Amino acid sequence: MPQLDTSTWFTTIVAMLLALYLVTQLKLLNTNFYQPHTQKNPNKQTPNNHWQLKWTKIYLPHSQLQRS
């Protein structure tokens, strides 16, 4: 029974990891991440909408009321 030749495994694995790294870098290069827009005129008022940009208080469910 012939013995398994493992002499090329290191080269194959390193080449595969290099290719995977390059493909990942190319995919990330073409990705558009969210960038918040900046107002060009700080004196300009933005229109009011019914969704206010503020935090709201989160209440516990009735079954988990904390009593002190």
PDB file of N, CA and C in Angstrom:
ATOM      1  N   MET A   1       0.855  -1.170   0.000  1.00  0.00           N
ATOM      2  CA  MET A   1       0.000   0.000   0.000  1.00  0.00           C
ATOM      3  C   MET A   1       0.905   1.240   0.000  1.00  0.00           C
ATOM      4  N   PRO A   2       0.675   2.195  -0.944  1.00  0.00           N
ATOM      5  CA  PRO A   2       1.555   3.371  -1.036  1.00  0.00           C
ATOM      6  C   PRO A   2       1.335   4.328   0.141  1.00  0.00           C
ATOM      7  N   GLN A   3       2.403   5.002   0.515  1.00  0.00           N
ATOM      8  CA  GLN A   3       2.324   5.954   1.613  1.00  0.00           C
ATOM      9  C   GLN A   3       1.836   7.295   1.081  1.00  0.00           C
ATOM     10  N   LEU A   4       1.061   8.005   1.916  1.00  0.00           N
ATOM     11  CA  LEU A   4       0.499   9.295   1.525  1.00  0.00           C
ATOM     12  C   LEU A   4       1.609  10.340   1.487  1.00  0.00           C
ATOM     13  N   ASP A   5       1.724  11.027   0.342  1.00  0.00           N
ATOM     14  CA  ASP A   5       2.753  12.056   0.174  1.00  0.00           C
ATOM     15  C   ASP A   5       2.229  13.383   0.715  1.00  0.00           C
ATOM     16  N   THR A   6       2.798  13.856   1.811  1.00  0.00           N
ATOM     17  CA  THR A   6       2.339  15.101   2.438  1.00  0.00           C
ATOM     18  C   THR A   6       3.321  16.245   2.224  1.00  0.00           C
ATOM     19  N   SER A   7       4.240  16.102   1.297  1.00  0.00           N
ATOM     20  CA  SER A   7       5.274  17.125   1.121  1.00  0.00           C
ATOM     21  C   SER A   7       4.710  18.427   0.545  1.00  0.00           C
ATOM     22  N   THR A   8       3.604  18.379  -0.177  1.00  0.00           N
ATOM     23  CA  THR A   8       3.065  19.597  -0.796  1.00  0.00           C
ATOM     24  C   THR A   8       1.932  20.216   0.033  1.00  0.00           C
ATOM     25  N   TRP A   9       1.585  19.620   1.158  1.00  0.00           N
ATOM     26  CA  TRP A   9       0.460  20.125   1.949  1.00  0.00           C
ATOM     27  C   TRP A   9       0.723  21.525   2.483  1.00  0.00           C
ATOM     28  N   PHE A  10       1.931  21.800   2.954  1.00  0.00           N
ATOM     29  CA  PHE A  10       2.238  23.121   3.501  1.00  0.00           C
ATOM     30  C   PHE A  10       2.054  24.200   2.438  1.00  0.00           C
ATOM     31  N   THR A  11       2.573  23.962   1.253  1.00  0.00           N
ATOM     32  CA  THR A  11       2.449  24.926   0.155  1.00  0.00           C
ATOM     33  C   THR A  11       0.986  25.132  -0.216  1.00  0.00           C
ATOM     34  N   THR A  12       0.225  24.054  -0.265  1.00  0.00           N
ATOM     35  CA  THR A  12      -1.186  24.146  -0.621  1.00  0.00           C
ATOM     36  C   THR A  12      -1.968  24.935   0.420  1.00  0.00           C
ATOM     37  N   ILE A  13      -1.711  24.676   1.679  1.00  0.00           N
ATOM     38  CA  ILE A  13      -2.442  25.360   2.753  1.00  0.00           C
ATOM     39  C   ILE A  13      -2.075  26.836   2.800  1.00  0.00           C
ATOM     40  N   VAL A  14      -0.808  27.160   2.654  1.00  0.00           N
ATOM     41  CA  VAL A  14      -0.386  28.559   2.662  1.00  0.00           C
ATOM     42  C   VAL A  14      -0.981  29.301   1.468  1.00  0.00           C
ATOM     43  N   ALA A  15      -0.994  28.679   0.302  1.00  0.00           N
ATOM     44  CA  ALA A  15      -1.580  29.317  -0.873  1.00  0.00           C
ATOM     45  C   ALA A  15      -3.081  29.526  -0.694  1.00  0.00           C
ATOM     46  N   MET A  16      -3.752  28.557  -0.083  1.00  0.00           N
ATOM     47  CA  MET A  16      -5.193  28.684   0.149  1.00  0.00           C
ATOM     48  C   MET A  16      -5.473  29.824   1.125  1.00  0.00           C
ATOM     49  N   LEU A  17      -4.698  29.931   2.213  1.00  0.00           N
ATOM     50  CA  LEU A  17      -4.908  31.011   3.172  1.00  0.00           C
ATOM     51  C   LEU A  17      -4.618  32.379   2.552  1.00  0.00           C
ATOM     52  N   LEU A  18      -3.600  32.464   1.740  1.00  0.00           N
ATOM     53  CA  LEU A  18      -3.287  33.711   1.053  1.00  0.00           C
ATOM     54  C   LEU A  18      -4.419  34.114   0.108  1.00  0.00           C
ATOM     55  N   ALA A  19      -4.945  33.161  -0.629  1.00  0.00           N
ATOM     56  CA  ALA A  19      -6.050  33.450  -1.542  1.00  0.00           C
ATOM     57  C   ALA A  19      -7.296  33.875  -0.772  1.00  0.00           C
ATOM     58  N   LEU A  20      -7.574  33.213   0.343  1.00  0.00           N
ATOM     59  CA  LEU A  20      -8.722  33.574   1.162  1.00  0.00           C
ATOM     60  C   LEU A  20      -8.572  34.984   1.733  1.00  0.00           C
ATOM     61  N   TYR A  21      -7.373  35.326   2.168  1.00  0.00           N
ATOM     62  CA  TYR A  21      -7.109  36.667   2.681  1.00  0.00           C
ATOM     63  C   TYR A  21      -7.308  37.714   1.586  1.00  0.00           C
ATOM     64  N   LEU A  22      -6.790  37.446   0.407  1.00  0.00           N
ATOM     65  CA  LEU A  22      -6.918  38.411  -0.693  1.00  0.00           C
ATOM     66  C   LEU A  22      -8.371  38.580  -1.121  1.00  0.00           C
ATOM     67  N   VAL A  23      -9.118  37.506  -1.202  1.00  0.00           N
ATOM     68  CA  VAL A  23     -10.537  37.603  -1.571  1.00  0.00           C
ATOM     69  C   VAL A  23     -11.295  38.401  -0.523  1.00  0.00           C
ATOM     70  N   THR A  24     -10.999  38.175   0.752  1.00  0.00           N
ATOM     71  CA  THR A  24     -11.662  38.922   1.818  1.00  0.00           C
ATOM     72  C   THR A  24     -11.320  40.404   1.734  1.00  0.00           C
ATOM     73  N   GLN A  25     -10.066  40.723   1.474  1.00  0.00           N
ATOM     74  CA  GLN A  25      -9.670  42.125   1.358  1.00  0.00           C
ATOM     75  C   GLN A  25     -10.354  42.791   0.172  1.00  0.00           C
ATOM     76  N   LEU A  26     -10.473  42.091  -0.939  1.00  0.00           N
ATOM     77  CA  LEU A  26     -11.145  42.657  -2.111  1.00  0.00           C
ATOM     78  C   LEU A  26     -12.629  42.871  -1.841  1.00  0.00           C
ATOM     79  N   LYS A  27     -13.265  41.944  -1.109  1.00  0.00           N
ATOM     80  CA  LYS A  27     -14.679  42.114  -0.777  1.00  0.00           C
ATOM     81  C   LYS A  27     -14.859  43.315   0.143  1.00  0.00           C
ATOM     82  N   LEU A  28     -13.969  43.476   1.143  1.00  0.00           N
ATOM     83  CA  LEU A  28     -14.086  44.602   2.060  1.00  0.00           C
ATOM     84  C   LEU A  28     -13.769  45.928   1.383  1.00  0.00           C
ATOM     85  N   LEU A  29     -12.932  45.899   0.377  1.00  0.00           N
ATOM     86  CA  LEU A  29     -12.578  47.109  -0.345  1.00  0.00           C
ATOM     87  C   LEU A  29     -13.788  47.689  -1.064  1.00  0.00           C
ATOM     88  N   ASN A  30     -14.680  46.832  -1.533  1.00  0.00           N
ATOM     89  CA  ASN A  30     -15.850  47.280  -2.282  1.00  0.00           C
ATOM     90  C   ASN A  30     -17.079  47.472  -1.410  1.00  0.00           C
ATOM     91  N   THR A  31     -16.935  47.329  -0.091  1.00  0.00           N
ATOM     92  CA  THR A  31     -18.072  47.472   0.807  1.00  0.00           C
ATOM     93  C   THR A  31     -18.228  48.923   1.210  1.00  0.00           C
ATOM     94  N   ASN A  32     -19.462  49.413   1.141  1.00  0.00           N
ATOM     95  CA  ASN A  32     -19.760  50.772   1.575  1.00  0.00           C
ATOM     96  C   ASN A  32     -20.270  50.720   3.003  1.00  0.00           C
ATOM     97  N   PHE A  33     -19.479  51.225   3.937  1.00  0.00           N
ATOM     98  CA  PHE A  33     -19.887  51.281   5.320  1.00  0.00           C
ATOM     99  C   PHE A  33     -20.679  52.559   5.560  1.00  0.00           C
ATOM    100  N   TYR A  34     -21.539  52.522   6.560  1.00  0.00           N
ATOM    101  CA  TYR A  34     -22.355  53.687   6.874  1.00  0.00           C
ATOM    102  C   TYR A  34     -21.489  54.829   7.378  1.00  0.00           C
ATOM    103  N   GLN A  35     -21.662  55.988   6.777  1.00  0.00           N
ATOM    104  CA  GLN A  35     -20.959  57.177   7.221  1.00  0.00           C
ATOM    105  C   GLN A  35     -22.008  58.260   7.440  1.00  0.00           C
ATOM    106  N   PRO A  36     -22.176  58.709   8.668  1.00  0.00           N
ATOM    107  CA  PRO A  36     -23.190  59.733   8.909  1.00  0.00           C
ATOM    108  C   PRO A  36     -22.855  61.008   8.152  1.00  0.00           C
ATOM    109  N   HIS A  37     -23.868  61.577   7.533  1.00  0.00           N
ATOM    110  CA  HIS A  37     -23.633  62.797   6.766  1.00  0.00           C
ATOM    111  C   HIS A  37     -23.488  63.983   7.709  1.00  0.00           C
ATOM    112  N   THR A  38     -22.660  64.898   7.323  1.00  0.00           N
ATOM    113  CA  THR A  38     -22.453  66.092   8.133  1.00  0.00           C
ATOM    114  C   THR A  38     -23.200  67.234   7.469  1.00  0.00           C
ATOM    115  N   GLN A  39     -23.749  68.093   8.308  1.00  0.00           N
ATOM    116  CA  GLN A  39     -24.442  69.251   7.768  1.00  0.00           C
ATOM    117  C   GLN A  39     -23.422  70.248   7.256  1.00  0.00           C
ATOM    118  N   LYS A  40     -23.654  70.746   6.052  1.00  0.00           N
ATOM    119  CA  LYS A  40     -22.736  71.724   5.485  1.00  0.00           C
ATOM    120  C   LYS A  40     -22.998  73.107   6.068  1.00  0.00           C
ATOM    121  N   ASN A  41     -24.255  73.380   6.389  1.00  0.00           N
ATOM    122  CA  ASN A  41     -24.617  74.655   6.966  1.00  0.00           C
ATOM    123  C   ASN A  41     -25.153  74.409   8.371  1.00  0.00           C
ATOM    124  N   PRO A  42     -24.389  74.711   9.424  1.00  0.00           N
ATOM    125  CA  PRO A  42     -24.850  74.403  10.780  1.00  0.00           C
ATOM    126  C   PRO A  42     -26.045  75.249  11.216  1.00  0.00           C
ATOM    127  N   ASN A  43     -26.292  76.389  10.564  1.00  0.00           N
ATOM    128  CA  ASN A  43     -27.417  77.246  10.930  1.00  0.00           C
ATOM    129  C   ASN A  43     -28.736  76.759  10.336  1.00  0.00           C
ATOM    130  N   LYS A  44     -28.668  75.884   9.402  1.00  0.00           N
ATOM    131  CA  LYS A  44     -29.867  75.387   8.735  1.00  0.00           C
ATOM    132  C   LYS A  44     -30.613  74.417   9.653  1.00  0.00           C
ATOM    133  N   GLN A  45     -31.896  74.635   9.827  1.00  0.00           N
ATOM    134  CA  GLN A  45     -32.717  73.770  10.659  1.00  0.00           C
ATOM    135  C   GLN A  45     -33.212  72.591   9.831  1.00  0.00           C
ATOM    136  N   THR A  46     -33.163  71.412  10.438  1.00  0.00           N
ATOM    137  CA  THR A  46     -33.701  70.246   9.741  1.00  0.00           C
ATOM    138  C   THR A  46     -35.203  70.200   9.974  1.00  0.00           C
ATOM    139  N   PRO A  47     -35.964  69.701   9.017  1.00  0.00           N
ATOM    140  CA  PRO A  47     -37.413  69.653   9.201  1.00  0.00           C
ATOM    141  C   PRO A  47     -37.795  68.719  10.347  1.00  0.00           C
ATOM    142  N   ASN A  48     -38.822  69.122  11.099  1.00  0.00           N
ATOM    143  CA  ASN A  48     -39.276  68.317  12.215  1.00  0.00           C
ATOM    144  C   ASN A  48     -40.099  67.144  11.704  1.00  0.00           C
ATOM    145  N   ASN A  49     -39.813  65.986  12.192  1.00  0.00           N
ATOM    146  CA  ASN A  49     -40.628  64.830  11.873  1.00  0.00           C
ATOM    147  C   ASN A  49     -41.143  64.236  13.178  1.00  0.00           C
ATOM    148  N   HIS A  50     -42.098  63.352  13.113  1.00  0.00           N
ATOM    149  CA  HIS A  50     -42.675  62.820  14.331  1.00  0.00           C
ATOM    150  C   HIS A  50     -41.761  61.812  15.018  1.00  0.00           C
ATOM    151  N   TRP A  51     -40.705  61.378  14.370  1.00  0.00           N
ATOM    152  CA  TRP A  51     -39.721  60.515  15.024  1.00  0.00           C
ATOM    153  C   TRP A  51     -38.618  61.408  15.558  1.00  0.00           C
ATOM    154  N   GLN A  52     -38.638  61.649  16.819  1.00  0.00           N
ATOM    155  CA  GLN A  52     -37.613  62.485  17.431  1.00  0.00           C
ATOM    156  C   GLN A  52     -36.359  61.650  17.683  1.00  0.00           C
ATOM    157  N   LEU A  53     -35.228  62.261  17.503  1.00  0.00           N
ATOM    158  CA  LEU A  53     -33.963  61.564  17.703  1.00  0.00           C
ATOM    159  C   LEU A  53     -33.570  61.657  19.168  1.00  0.00           C
ATOM    160  N   LYS A  54     -34.201  60.896  19.999  1.00  0.00           N
ATOM    161  CA  LYS A  54     -33.885  60.889  21.419  1.00  0.00           C
ATOM    162  C   LYS A  54     -34.120  59.494  21.967  1.00  0.00           C
ATOM    163  N   TRP A  55     -33.539  59.239  23.132  1.00  0.00           N
ATOM    164  CA  TRP A  55     -33.730  57.958  23.790  1.00  0.00           C
ATOM    165  C   TRP A  55     -35.054  57.968  24.521  1.00  0.00           C
ATOM    166  N   THR A  56     -35.684  56.840  24.546  1.00  0.00           N
ATOM    167  CA  THR A  56     -36.914  56.718  25.316  1.00  0.00           C
ATOM    168  C   THR A  56     -36.671  55.774  26.487  1.00  0.00           C
ATOM    169  N   LYS A  57     -37.447  55.964  27.542  1.00  0.00           N
ATOM    170  CA  LYS A  57     -37.278  55.128  28.730  1.00  0.00           C
ATOM    171  C   LYS A  57     -37.892  53.758  28.461  1.00  0.00           C
ATOM    172  N   ILE A  58     -37.176  52.718  28.843  1.00  0.00           N
ATOM    173  CA  ILE A  58     -37.663  51.355  28.662  1.00  0.00           C
ATOM    174  C   ILE A  58     -38.169  50.868  30.007  1.00  0.00           C
ATOM    175  N   TYR A  59     -39.415  50.464  30.050  1.00  0.00           N
ATOM    176  CA  TYR A  59     -40.019  50.011  31.294  1.00  0.00           C
ATOM    177  C   TYR A  59     -39.949  48.500  31.403  1.00  0.00           C
ATOM    178  N   LEU A  60     -39.864  48.011  32.636  1.00  0.00           N
ATOM    179  CA  LEU A  60     -39.892  46.576  32.878  1.00  0.00           C
ATOM    180  C   LEU A  60     -41.317  46.057  32.684  1.00  0.00           C
ATOM    181  N   PRO A  61     -41.467  44.817  32.288  1.00  0.00           N
ATOM    182  CA  PRO A  61     -42.815  44.247  32.218  1.00  0.00           C
ATOM    183  C   PRO A  61     -43.459  44.239  33.603  1.00  0.00           C
ATOM    184  N   HIS A  62     -44.788  44.182  33.674  1.00  0.00           N
ATOM    185  CA  HIS A  62     -45.511  44.262  34.939  1.00  0.00           C
ATOM    186  C   HIS A  62     -45.134  43.133  35.881  1.00  0.00           C
ATOM    187  N   SER A  63     -44.774  42.007  35.327  1.00  0.00           N
ATOM    188  CA  SER A  63     -44.454  40.870  36.193  1.00  0.00           C
ATOM    189  C   SER A  63     -43.095  41.018  36.864  1.00  0.00           C
ATOM    190  N   GLN A  64     -42.287  41.967  36.430  1.00  0.00           N
ATOM    191  CA  GLN A  64     -40.935  42.119  36.983  1.00  0.00           C
ATOM    192  C   GLN A  64     -40.754  43.468  37.683  1.00  0.00           C
ATOM    193  N   LEU A  65     -41.783  43.997  38.287  1.00  0.00           N
ATOM    194  CA  LEU A  65     -41.659  45.277  38.966  1.00  0.00           C
ATOM    195  C   LEU A  65     -40.704  45.152  40.146  1.00  0.00           C
ATOM    196  N   GLN A  66     -39.843  46.127  40.278  1.00  0.00           N
ATOM    197  CA  GLN A  66     -38.884  46.114  41.377  1.00  0.00           C
ATOM    198  C   GLN A  66     -39.502  46.859  42.550  1.00  0.00           C
ATOM    199  N   ARG A  67     -39.562  46.221  43.693  1.00  0.00           N
ATOM    200  CA  ARG A  67     -40.134  46.849  44.882  1.00  0.00           C
ATOM    201  C   ARG A  67     -39.028  47.065  45.897  1.00  0.00           C
ATOM    202  N   SER A  68     -38.964  48.281  46.386  1.00  0.00           N
ATOM    203  CA  SER A  68     -37.907  48.578  47.346  1.00  0.00           C
ATOM    204  C   SER A  68     -38.470  48.896  48.720  1.00  0.00           C
TER     205      SER A  68
END
